[in-house]
């Protein structure tokens, strides 16, 4: 049981470090380079794509759900 807990904590630590590094990198690219506008456009595009994919998934689930009586 201790091995599983340590693995979970190690995985959590890795996720924490990766997310901080990703945030710092994203901030640097957005604010300190000429690619800021492109990065922002790609970010918004990705967010909209994910939102619309979720809406599409919900619609598909509603369409294919069995009728309740």
N, C-alpha and C. Protein backbone atom coordinates (compact mmCIF):
# COMPACT_ATOMS: atom_id res chain seq x y z
N UNK A 1 0.81 -1.19 0.00
CA UNK A 1 0.00 0.00 0.00
C UNK A 1 0.85 1.26 0.00
N UNK A 2 2.00 1.21 0.68
CA UNK A 2 2.87 2.38 0.71
C UNK A 2 3.42 2.71 -0.67
N UNK A 3 3.70 1.68 -1.46
CA UNK A 3 4.22 1.91 -2.81
C UNK A 3 3.23 2.66 -3.68
N UNK A 4 1.97 2.33 -3.53
CA UNK A 4 0.93 3.00 -4.31
C UNK A 4 0.81 4.46 -3.89
N UNK A 5 0.85 4.72 -2.59
CA UNK A 5 0.75 6.09 -2.12
C UNK A 5 1.95 6.92 -2.57
N UNK A 6 3.13 6.33 -2.53
CA UNK A 6 4.32 7.06 -2.97
C UNK A 6 4.25 7.34 -4.47
N UNK A 7 3.78 6.36 -5.23
CA UNK A 7 3.64 6.57 -6.67
C UNK A 7 2.64 7.68 -6.95
N UNK A 8 1.55 7.71 -6.21
CA UNK A 8 0.55 8.76 -6.39
C UNK A 8 1.12 10.12 -6.04
N UNK A 9 1.87 10.20 -4.96
CA UNK A 9 2.47 11.47 -4.57
C UNK A 9 3.53 11.91 -5.57
N UNK A 10 4.30 10.95 -6.07
CA UNK A 10 5.32 11.28 -7.06
C UNK A 10 4.66 11.79 -8.35
N UNK A 11 3.57 11.13 -8.74
CA UNK A 11 2.84 11.57 -9.93
C UNK A 11 2.25 12.96 -9.73
N UNK A 12 1.73 13.22 -8.54
CA UNK A 12 1.21 14.54 -8.24
C UNK A 12 2.28 15.61 -8.28
N UNK A 13 3.46 15.26 -7.75
CA UNK A 13 4.57 16.20 -7.78
C UNK A 13 5.00 16.50 -9.21
N UNK A 14 5.06 15.47 -10.05
CA UNK A 14 5.43 15.66 -11.45
C UNK A 14 4.40 16.55 -12.15
N UNK A 15 3.11 16.30 -11.90
CA UNK A 15 2.08 17.15 -12.49
C UNK A 15 2.21 18.60 -12.05
N UNK A 16 2.52 18.81 -10.78
CA UNK A 16 2.70 20.17 -10.27
C UNK A 16 3.85 20.87 -10.97
N UNK A 17 5.00 20.20 -11.07
CA UNK A 17 6.18 20.80 -11.69
C UNK A 17 5.93 21.07 -13.17
N UNK A 18 5.32 20.10 -13.87
CA UNK A 18 5.05 20.27 -15.30
C UNK A 18 4.09 21.43 -15.54
N UNK A 19 3.06 21.56 -14.70
CA UNK A 19 2.11 22.65 -14.90
C UNK A 19 2.74 24.01 -14.64
N UNK A 20 3.63 24.11 -13.65
CA UNK A 20 4.31 25.38 -13.39
C UNK A 20 5.24 25.74 -14.55
N UNK A 21 5.99 24.75 -15.04
CA UNK A 21 6.89 24.99 -16.18
C UNK A 21 6.09 25.38 -17.42
N UNK A 22 4.97 24.71 -17.66
CA UNK A 22 4.13 25.02 -18.82
C UNK A 22 3.57 26.44 -18.71
N UNK A 23 3.15 26.84 -17.51
CA UNK A 23 2.62 28.19 -17.33
C UNK A 23 3.70 29.24 -17.57
N UNK A 24 4.88 29.01 -17.04
CA UNK A 24 5.97 29.98 -17.23
C UNK A 24 6.34 30.07 -18.71
N UNK A 25 6.42 28.93 -19.39
CA UNK A 25 6.74 28.92 -20.82
C UNK A 25 5.66 29.63 -21.63
N UNK A 26 4.39 29.33 -21.33
CA UNK A 26 3.28 29.97 -22.04
C UNK A 26 3.31 31.48 -21.83
N UNK A 27 3.54 31.90 -20.59
CA UNK A 27 3.58 33.33 -20.29
C UNK A 27 4.73 34.01 -21.03
N UNK A 28 5.89 33.37 -21.04
CA UNK A 28 7.04 33.93 -21.75
C UNK A 28 6.73 34.07 -23.24
N UNK A 29 6.20 33.00 -23.85
CA UNK A 29 5.90 33.05 -25.28
C UNK A 29 4.83 34.09 -25.60
N UNK A 30 3.87 34.24 -24.70
CA UNK A 30 2.78 35.18 -24.93
C UNK A 30 3.22 36.63 -24.78
N UNK A 31 4.04 36.90 -23.78
CA UNK A 31 4.37 38.28 -23.45
C UNK A 31 5.70 38.77 -24.01
N UNK A 32 6.68 37.89 -24.18
CA UNK A 32 8.04 38.35 -24.48
C UNK A 32 8.51 38.01 -25.89
N UNK A 33 7.66 37.45 -26.72
CA UNK A 33 8.08 37.14 -28.08
C UNK A 33 7.11 37.76 -29.07
N UNK A 34 7.49 37.72 -30.32
CA UNK A 34 6.63 38.24 -31.39
C UNK A 34 5.48 37.28 -31.71
N UNK A 35 5.51 36.10 -31.11
CA UNK A 35 4.48 35.10 -31.39
C UNK A 35 3.25 35.26 -30.51
N UNK A 36 3.18 36.31 -29.71
CA UNK A 36 2.10 36.48 -28.74
C UNK A 36 0.71 36.41 -29.35
N UNK A 37 0.51 37.10 -30.47
CA UNK A 37 -0.81 37.12 -31.10
C UNK A 37 -1.18 35.74 -31.63
N UNK A 38 -0.22 35.07 -32.23
CA UNK A 38 -0.48 33.73 -32.78
C UNK A 38 -0.79 32.76 -31.64
N UNK A 39 -0.02 32.83 -30.56
CA UNK A 39 -0.24 31.94 -29.41
C UNK A 39 -1.63 32.20 -28.82
N UNK A 40 -2.02 33.46 -28.70
CA UNK A 40 -3.33 33.78 -28.15
C UNK A 40 -4.44 33.27 -29.06
N UNK A 41 -4.28 33.43 -30.36
CA UNK A 41 -5.28 32.93 -31.31
C UNK A 41 -5.40 31.41 -31.23
N UNK A 42 -4.27 30.71 -31.12
CA UNK A 42 -4.30 29.25 -31.01
C UNK A 42 -4.95 28.81 -29.70
N UNK A 43 -4.71 29.56 -28.63
CA UNK A 43 -5.31 29.23 -27.35
C UNK A 43 -6.82 29.37 -27.41
N UNK A 44 -7.30 30.46 -27.97
CA UNK A 44 -8.74 30.68 -28.08
C UNK A 44 -9.35 29.64 -29.01
N UNK A 45 -8.69 29.34 -30.10
CA UNK A 45 -9.17 28.31 -31.03
C UNK A 45 -9.30 26.96 -30.32
N UNK A 46 -8.30 26.59 -29.55
CA UNK A 46 -8.35 25.33 -28.82
C UNK A 46 -9.48 25.30 -27.80
N UNK A 47 -9.66 26.40 -27.07
CA UNK A 47 -10.73 26.46 -26.07
C UNK A 47 -12.10 26.35 -26.72
N UNK A 48 -12.31 27.05 -27.83
CA UNK A 48 -13.59 26.99 -28.53
C UNK A 48 -13.81 25.58 -29.10
N UNK A 49 -12.77 24.97 -29.64
CA UNK A 49 -12.90 23.62 -30.19
C UNK A 49 -13.29 22.62 -29.09
N UNK A 50 -12.68 22.73 -27.92
CA UNK A 50 -13.03 21.83 -26.83
C UNK A 50 -14.47 22.06 -26.37
N UNK A 51 -14.88 23.30 -26.24
CA UNK A 51 -16.24 23.62 -25.82
C UNK A 51 -17.26 23.08 -26.82
N UNK A 52 -17.01 23.29 -28.10
CA UNK A 52 -17.95 22.80 -29.12
C UNK A 52 -17.95 21.28 -29.21
N UNK A 53 -16.81 20.64 -28.96
CA UNK A 53 -16.76 19.18 -28.93
C UNK A 53 -17.60 18.64 -27.78
N UNK A 54 -17.55 19.29 -26.63
CA UNK A 54 -18.38 18.86 -25.50
C UNK A 54 -19.86 19.03 -25.84
N UNK A 55 -20.23 20.16 -26.43
CA UNK A 55 -21.62 20.37 -26.84
C UNK A 55 -22.05 19.30 -27.84
N UNK A 56 -21.21 18.99 -28.79
CA UNK A 56 -21.52 17.95 -29.77
C UNK A 56 -21.68 16.59 -29.12
N UNK A 57 -20.83 16.28 -28.17
CA UNK A 57 -20.92 15.01 -27.44
C UNK A 57 -22.23 14.93 -26.66
N UNK A 58 -22.62 16.01 -26.01
CA UNK A 58 -23.89 16.04 -25.28
C UNK A 58 -25.05 15.85 -26.24
N UNK A 59 -25.02 16.53 -27.38
CA UNK A 59 -26.08 16.37 -28.38
C UNK A 59 -26.16 14.95 -28.89
N UNK A 60 -25.02 14.35 -29.20
CA UNK A 60 -25.00 12.96 -29.67
C UNK A 60 -25.57 12.02 -28.61
N UNK A 61 -25.21 12.25 -27.34
CA UNK A 61 -25.69 11.41 -26.27
C UNK A 61 -27.21 11.54 -26.12
N UNK A 62 -27.72 12.75 -26.26
CA UNK A 62 -29.17 12.95 -26.17
C UNK A 62 -29.88 12.26 -27.33
N UNK A 63 -29.32 12.38 -28.52
CA UNK A 63 -29.95 11.77 -29.70
C UNK A 63 -29.98 10.24 -29.60
N UNK A 64 -28.89 9.64 -29.12
CA UNK A 64 -28.79 8.19 -29.11
C UNK A 64 -29.30 7.54 -27.83
N UNK A 65 -29.74 8.34 -26.86
CA UNK A 65 -30.26 7.78 -25.60
C UNK A 65 -31.60 7.10 -25.87
N UNK A 66 -31.85 6.00 -25.19
CA UNK A 66 -33.16 5.35 -25.37
C UNK A 66 -34.28 6.22 -24.80
N UNK A 67 -35.44 6.11 -25.42
CA UNK A 67 -36.61 6.89 -24.99
C UNK A 67 -37.10 6.37 -23.64
N UNK A 68 -37.34 7.28 -22.72
CA UNK A 68 -37.94 6.87 -21.45
C UNK A 68 -39.46 6.90 -21.59
N UNK A 69 -40.11 5.96 -20.91
CA UNK A 69 -41.57 5.83 -21.07
C UNK A 69 -42.32 6.48 -19.97
